[in-house]
N, C-alpha and C. Protein backbone atom coordinates (compact mmCIF):
# COMPACT_ATOMS: atom_id res chain seq x y z
N MET A 1 -37.87 32.27 10.66
CA MET A 1 -38.80 32.14 9.76
C MET A 1 -38.81 30.06 9.88
N ASP A 2 -37.31 30.02 9.59
CA ASP A 2 -37.45 28.02 9.66
C ASP A 2 -38.49 27.25 10.82
N LEU A 3 -37.92 28.27 12.42
CA LEU A 3 -39.01 27.61 13.27
C LEU A 3 -40.26 27.78 12.87
N ILE A 4 -40.91 28.39 12.24
CA ILE A 4 -42.40 28.79 11.98
C ILE A 4 -42.80 27.33 10.80
N TYR A 5 -41.64 27.53 9.65
CA TYR A 5 -42.15 26.46 8.74
C TYR A 5 -42.29 25.29 9.53
N GLU A 6 -41.27 24.48 10.71
CA GLU A 6 -41.31 23.53 11.10
C GLU A 6 -42.09 23.54 11.85
N GLY A 7 -42.99 24.26 12.61
CA GLY A 7 -43.98 23.77 13.55
C GLY A 7 -45.16 23.92 12.45
N ILE A 8 -45.74 24.80 11.12
CA ILE A 8 -46.38 24.67 9.94
C ILE A 8 -46.35 23.07 10.05
N VAL A 9 -45.57 22.68 9.51
CA VAL A 9 -45.13 21.12 8.92
C VAL A 9 -45.64 20.30 9.95
N ASN A 10 -45.15 20.07 10.98
CA ASN A 10 -45.13 19.39 12.83
C ASN A 10 -47.10 19.56 12.55
N ARG A 11 -47.43 20.35 12.68
CA ARG A 11 -49.22 21.03 12.62
C ARG A 11 -49.77 20.21 11.60
N ALA A 12 -49.26 20.24 10.53
CA ALA A 12 -50.09 19.17 9.24
C ALA A 12 -49.59 17.80 8.91
N ASN A 13 -48.51 17.23 10.11
CA ASN A 13 -48.31 15.70 9.91
C ASN A 13 -48.59 15.06 10.93
N THR A 14 -49.29 16.06 11.87
CA THR A 14 -49.83 15.19 13.44
C THR A 14 -51.47 15.17 13.05
N ASN A 15 -51.75 13.80 13.25
CA ASN A 15 -53.05 13.51 12.95
C ASN A 15 -54.15 13.94 14.27
N ILE A 16 -55.11 14.10 13.68
CA ILE A 16 -55.94 14.96 14.85
C ILE A 16 -56.98 14.54 14.69
N TYR A 17 -57.77 12.98 15.07
CA TYR A 17 -58.66 12.64 15.08
C TYR A 17 -60.16 12.42 15.95
N LYS A 18 -61.03 12.40 15.07
CA LYS A 18 -62.08 12.62 15.67
C LYS A 18 -63.61 11.59 15.09
N GLU A 19 -64.03 11.45 15.80
CA GLU A 19 -65.38 10.51 15.29
C GLU A 19 -66.97 11.25 15.84
N ILE A 20 -67.42 11.36 14.61
CA ILE A 20 -69.17 12.07 14.78
C ILE A 20 -70.04 11.15 13.79
N ILE A 21 -70.96 11.14 14.29
CA ILE A 21 -72.09 10.08 13.82
C ILE A 21 -72.99 10.78 12.95
N ILE A 22 -73.71 11.27 11.48
CA ILE A 22 -73.96 11.50 10.73
C ILE A 22 -75.15 10.82 10.59
N LYS A 23 -76.42 11.87 10.99
CA LYS A 23 -77.13 11.45 10.28
C LYS A 23 -78.34 12.25 9.36
N LYS A 24 -78.81 10.97 7.95
CA LYS A 24 -79.24 11.82 6.45
C LYS A 24 -79.89 11.24 6.10
N GLU A 25 -80.56 11.53 5.09
CA GLU A 25 -81.56 10.99 4.10
C GLU A 25 -81.05 9.98 3.57
N LEU A 26 -81.03 9.20 2.63
CA LEU A 26 -80.72 8.21 1.54
C LEU A 26 -80.64 8.99 0.41
N ASP A 27 -79.42 8.49 -0.35
CA ASP A 27 -78.83 9.19 -1.18
C ASP A 27 -79.01 11.17 -1.26
N GLU A 28 -78.61 11.58 -0.12
CA GLU A 28 -78.46 12.27 0.00
C GLU A 28 -76.60 12.32 0.80
N LYS A 29 -75.99 13.37 0.26
CA LYS A 29 -74.84 13.80 0.47
C LYS A 29 -74.63 14.57 1.59
N LEU A 30 -73.38 15.06 1.92
CA LEU A 30 -72.93 15.97 2.57
C LEU A 30 -72.47 17.02 2.47
N GLY A 31 -72.99 17.13 1.39
CA GLY A 31 -72.90 18.67 0.91
C GLY A 31 -71.44 19.10 1.16
N ILE A 32 -70.48 18.91 0.86
CA ILE A 32 -68.93 18.94 0.69
C ILE A 32 -68.58 18.81 -0.96
N ASP A 33 -67.34 19.45 -1.13
CA ASP A 33 -66.21 18.98 -2.26
C ASP A 33 -65.15 18.36 -1.35
N PHE A 34 -64.66 17.68 -2.41
CA PHE A 34 -63.38 16.95 -1.98
C PHE A 34 -62.45 16.77 -2.80
N ASN A 35 -60.88 16.78 -2.20
CA ASN A 35 -60.09 16.48 -3.49
C ASN A 35 -60.05 14.76 -4.00
N THR A 36 -59.89 14.37 -4.95
CA THR A 36 -59.74 13.72 -5.59
C THR A 36 -58.41 13.02 -5.50
N GLU A 37 -57.14 13.71 -5.80
CA GLU A 37 -55.89 13.33 -5.46
C GLU A 37 -55.34 13.97 -4.27
N SER A 38 -53.86 13.40 -4.30
CA SER A 38 -53.56 14.05 -3.08
C SER A 38 -52.53 14.79 -3.59
N LEU A 39 -52.39 16.29 -3.35
CA LEU A 39 -52.04 17.90 -3.99
C LEU A 39 -50.98 18.38 -2.94
N LYS A 40 -49.63 18.50 -3.81
CA LYS A 40 -48.27 18.89 -2.71
C LYS A 40 -48.63 20.30 -2.49
N ILE A 41 -48.34 20.57 -2.15
CA ILE A 41 -48.62 22.47 -0.89
C ILE A 41 -47.54 22.76 -1.29
N THR A 42 -45.93 22.20 -0.61
CA THR A 42 -45.24 23.07 -0.39
C THR A 42 -44.34 22.39 -1.75
N ASP A 43 -43.18 22.86 -1.84
CA ASP A 43 -41.84 22.37 -3.01
C ASP A 43 -40.73 21.27 -2.24
N ASP A 44 -41.04 21.57 -1.19
CA ASP A 44 -40.10 19.84 -0.42
C ASP A 44 -41.12 19.32 -0.32
N ASN A 45 -42.38 19.54 -0.28
CA ASN A 45 -43.37 17.98 -0.12
C ASN A 45 -43.28 17.13 1.44
N ARG A 46 -43.49 17.85 1.86
CA ARG A 46 -43.07 17.83 3.20
C ARG A 46 -45.11 18.73 3.86
N ILE A 47 -45.60 18.88 3.13
CA ILE A 47 -47.18 19.12 3.53
C ILE A 47 -47.28 18.85 1.98
N ILE A 48 -48.27 17.34 1.67
CA ILE A 48 -49.66 17.23 1.09
C ILE A 48 -50.77 16.76 1.46
N PHE A 49 -51.73 17.17 0.49
CA PHE A 49 -52.88 17.23 1.19
C PHE A 49 -53.47 16.08 0.50
N PRO A 50 -54.28 15.63 1.16
CA PRO A 50 -54.41 14.07 1.24
C PRO A 50 -55.87 13.89 0.14
N LYS A 51 -55.87 12.58 -0.70
CA LYS A 51 -57.21 12.88 -1.05
C LYS A 51 -58.86 12.93 0.18
N MET A 52 -59.60 12.61 -0.14
CA MET A 52 -60.97 13.22 0.70
C MET A 52 -60.63 14.37 1.76
N MET A 53 -59.77 14.90 0.81
CA MET A 53 -60.00 16.38 2.22
C MET A 53 -60.88 17.21 2.03
N VAL A 54 -61.74 17.69 2.89
CA VAL A 54 -62.91 18.90 2.22
C VAL A 54 -62.51 20.28 2.20
N MET A 55 -62.62 20.25 0.96
CA MET A 55 -62.36 21.30 0.22
C MET A 55 -63.29 22.63 -0.06
N SER A 56 -64.24 22.69 -0.22
CA SER A 56 -65.44 23.30 0.24
C SER A 56 -66.63 22.91 1.11
N ILE A 57 -67.38 23.74 1.80
CA ILE A 57 -68.67 23.06 2.15
C ILE A 57 -69.76 23.68 1.86
N LYS A 58 -71.10 23.30 1.81
CA LYS A 58 -72.03 24.04 1.27
C LYS A 58 -72.75 24.36 2.32
N PRO A 59 -73.30 26.01 2.39
CA PRO A 59 -74.20 26.71 3.78
C PRO A 59 -75.26 25.59 3.75
N ASN A 60 -75.22 25.58 5.55
CA ASN A 60 -76.26 24.94 5.63
C ASN A 60 -76.75 23.25 5.20
N GLY A 61 -75.79 22.26 4.45
CA GLY A 61 -75.71 21.30 4.29
C GLY A 61 -74.95 20.58 5.49
N ILE A 62 -75.48 18.76 5.74
CA ILE A 62 -75.21 18.12 6.24
C ILE A 62 -73.83 17.75 7.31
N ALA A 63 -72.56 18.34 6.19
CA ALA A 63 -71.46 18.63 6.89
C ALA A 63 -71.52 19.89 7.56
N GLU A 64 -71.80 21.12 6.99
CA GLU A 64 -71.63 22.64 8.47
C GLU A 64 -72.67 21.96 9.64
N LYS A 65 -73.60 21.44 9.46
CA LYS A 65 -74.74 20.86 10.78
C LYS A 65 -73.78 20.07 11.66
N HIS A 66 -72.75 19.14 10.85
CA HIS A 66 -72.31 18.47 11.71
C HIS A 66 -70.86 18.71 12.48
N GLY A 67 -70.30 19.96 11.98
CA GLY A 67 -69.41 20.82 12.44
C GLY A 67 -68.11 19.91 11.74
N LEU A 68 -68.11 19.57 10.19
CA LEU A 68 -66.85 19.29 9.46
C LEU A 68 -66.69 20.51 9.05
N ARG A 69 -65.30 20.54 8.94
CA ARG A 69 -64.49 21.88 8.68
C ARG A 69 -63.37 21.67 7.71
N LEU A 70 -63.63 23.08 6.80
CA LEU A 70 -62.40 23.31 6.00
C LEU A 70 -60.64 22.62 6.22
N GLY A 71 -60.71 21.49 5.15
CA GLY A 71 -59.22 20.70 5.07
C GLY A 71 -59.20 19.50 6.31
N THR A 72 -60.67 19.27 7.09
CA THR A 72 -60.88 18.13 7.39
C THR A 72 -60.86 17.06 6.48
N GLN A 73 -59.97 15.76 6.56
CA GLN A 73 -59.79 15.00 6.08
C GLN A 73 -60.81 13.49 6.60
N ILE A 74 -61.62 13.46 5.42
CA ILE A 74 -62.79 11.96 5.87
C ILE A 74 -61.77 10.75 5.95
N LEU A 75 -61.65 9.86 6.96
CA LEU A 75 -60.98 8.67 6.73
C LEU A 75 -61.71 7.36 6.62
N LYS A 76 -62.67 7.46 7.49
CA LYS A 76 -63.94 6.24 7.11
C LYS A 76 -65.10 6.21 7.90
N ILE A 77 -65.90 5.75 7.15
CA ILE A 77 -67.38 5.62 7.57
C ILE A 77 -67.94 3.95 7.94
N ASP A 78 -68.15 4.22 9.08
CA ASP A 78 -68.60 2.87 9.48
C ASP A 78 -67.31 1.86 9.84
N ASN A 79 -66.27 2.16 9.97
CA ASN A 79 -64.45 1.31 9.93
C ASN A 79 -64.57 1.20 8.21
N ASP A 80 -65.09 1.13 7.22
CA ASP A 80 -64.70 0.87 6.29
C ASP A 80 -63.81 2.62 5.87
N ASP A 81 -62.76 2.35 4.85
CA ASP A 81 -62.14 3.12 4.24
C ASP A 81 -62.63 3.86 3.38
N VAL A 82 -62.82 5.49 2.98
CA VAL A 82 -63.27 5.97 2.24
C VAL A 82 -62.25 7.00 0.78
N THR A 83 -62.80 6.64 -0.37
CA THR A 83 -62.10 6.94 -1.44
C THR A 83 -63.09 7.74 -1.93
N PRO A 84 -62.61 8.37 -3.01
CA PRO A 84 -63.33 9.37 -4.08
C PRO A 84 -64.46 8.04 -5.17
N GLU A 85 -63.53 7.16 -5.45
CA GLU A 85 -64.15 6.24 -5.63
C GLU A 85 -65.31 5.51 -5.22
N ASN A 86 -65.61 5.24 -3.81
CA ASN A 86 -66.51 4.43 -3.38
C ASN A 86 -67.46 5.62 -2.09
N TYR A 87 -66.89 6.81 -2.56
CA TYR A 87 -67.83 7.92 -1.91
C TYR A 87 -69.43 7.68 -1.81
N ASN A 88 -69.78 7.68 -3.36
CA ASN A 88 -71.40 7.95 -3.45
C ASN A 88 -72.05 6.25 -3.16
N ASP A 89 -71.27 5.53 -3.20
CA ASP A 89 -71.54 4.40 -2.87
C ASP A 89 -72.23 4.15 -1.20
N PHE A 90 -71.34 4.91 -0.24
CA PHE A 90 -71.64 5.20 0.82
C PHE A 90 -72.67 6.28 1.32
N MET A 91 -73.01 7.31 0.51
CA MET A 91 -74.18 8.26 0.81
C MET A 91 -75.28 7.68 0.24
N LYS A 92 -75.69 6.58 -0.84
CA LYS A 92 -76.37 6.03 -1.25
C LYS A 92 -77.19 5.21 -0.43
N THR A 93 -75.93 4.12 0.56
CA THR A 93 -76.54 3.05 1.70
C THR A 93 -76.28 3.57 3.19
N LYS A 94 -75.72 4.54 3.19
CA LYS A 94 -76.50 4.74 4.47
C LYS A 94 -76.80 6.15 5.13
N HIS A 95 -77.90 5.66 5.89
CA HIS A 95 -78.79 6.68 6.43
C HIS A 95 -77.95 7.07 7.97
N ILE A 96 -77.65 6.46 9.04
CA ILE A 96 -76.97 7.14 9.85
C ILE A 96 -75.52 6.15 10.13
N PHE A 97 -74.40 6.69 10.14
CA PHE A 97 -73.22 6.19 10.18
C PHE A 97 -72.11 6.95 11.13
N LYS A 98 -71.18 6.49 11.64
CA LYS A 98 -70.26 6.86 12.39
C LYS A 98 -68.57 7.04 11.09
N ILE A 99 -68.56 8.47 11.59
CA ILE A 99 -67.53 8.72 10.10
C ILE A 99 -66.26 9.46 11.13
N LEU A 100 -64.74 9.19 10.49
CA LEU A 100 -63.72 8.90 11.54
C LEU A 100 -63.04 10.36 10.22
N LEU A 101 -62.57 11.17 11.30
CA LEU A 101 -62.03 12.37 10.27
C LEU A 101 -60.68 13.10 10.84
N ASN A 102 -60.05 13.52 10.26
CA ASN A 102 -58.47 13.86 10.45
C ASN A 102 -58.66 15.16 10.43
N ASP A 103 -58.43 16.02 11.12
CA ASP A 103 -58.26 17.44 11.44
C ASP A 103 -57.08 18.22 11.13
N SER A 104 -56.24 17.31 10.80
CA SER A 104 -54.35 18.06 11.05
C SER A 104 -54.09 18.88 9.85
N TYR A 105 -55.13 18.96 8.80
CA TYR A 105 -54.79 20.02 7.53
C TYR A 105 -55.33 21.38 7.39
N CYS A 106 -56.39 21.45 8.74
CA CYS A 106 -57.26 22.62 8.38
C CYS A 106 -57.05 23.30 8.56
N GLU A 107 -55.39 24.12 9.47
CA GLU A 107 -55.13 25.21 10.29
C GLU A 107 -54.46 25.62 8.33
N VAL A 108 -53.66 25.07 8.35
CA VAL A 108 -52.93 24.89 7.04
C VAL A 108 -53.92 25.58 5.74
N TYR A 109 -55.06 24.62 5.44
CA TYR A 109 -55.44 25.25 4.18
C TYR A 109 -56.60 25.89 4.43
N GLN A 110 -57.09 26.74 5.33
CA GLN A 110 -57.67 27.96 5.67
C GLN A 110 -57.05 28.68 5.95
N THR A 111 -55.56 28.89 6.15
CA THR A 111 -54.77 29.81 6.15
C THR A 111 -54.40 30.39 5.12
N LEU A 112 -54.24 29.28 3.47
CA LEU A 112 -54.18 29.41 2.42
C LEU A 112 -55.16 29.95 1.79
N LEU A 113 -56.43 29.46 2.35
CA LEU A 113 -57.60 30.03 1.43
C LEU A 113 -57.94 31.40 1.67
N ARG A 114 -57.66 31.95 3.59
CA ARG A 114 -57.75 33.66 3.57
C ARG A 114 -56.86 34.14 3.26
N GLU A 115 -55.74 33.53 2.64
CA GLU A 115 -54.36 34.29 2.63
C GLU A 115 -54.00 34.62 0.67
N ASN A 116 -55.32 34.18 -0.04
CA ASN A 116 -55.47 33.85 -1.47
C ASN A 116 -54.40 33.10 -1.61
N LYS A 117 -53.84 32.16 -1.30
CA LYS A 117 -52.42 31.70 -1.30
C LYS A 117 -53.12 30.11 -2.19
N PHE A 118 -54.07 29.72 -2.51
CA PHE A 118 -54.75 28.36 -2.86
C PHE A 118 -55.97 28.87 -3.53
N ASN A 119 -56.63 27.81 -4.28
CA ASN A 119 -57.77 28.30 -5.27
C ASN A 119 -58.41 26.94 -5.89
N PHE A 120 -59.04 26.32 -5.08
CA PHE A 120 -59.92 24.82 -5.41
C PHE A 120 -61.29 25.35 -6.52
N ILE A 121 -61.23 25.00 -7.00
CA ILE A 121 -62.56 24.88 -8.15
C ILE A 121 -63.05 23.56 -8.42
N ARG A 122 -63.69 23.57 -8.35
CA ARG A 122 -64.49 22.21 -8.95
C ARG A 122 -65.88 22.37 -9.86
């Protein structure tokens, strides 16, 4: 079991970056809910879900159409750091933008959801 756990920890802590281009209407948001605080997932604090991680995706929304996944962390929009505090400003002022994502938490988060071990309510 220790070997499996170490594999999960390593996967969650190895960045998997990708960039996508988003095109949307001004004031339109991505159609996601994200966590605004870091969330400690394991007792030993080796897996911590970061701020700006996609916790839910609205069906047929922009995020779903552009392939964002549950557990994806939003890092940057047009090379600027994204935070819970400035996310709405980006959505109000950007029509077309490049978004930098980190997919390293996707498998862990989706597994926890599938196994009913995690419940995110917004």
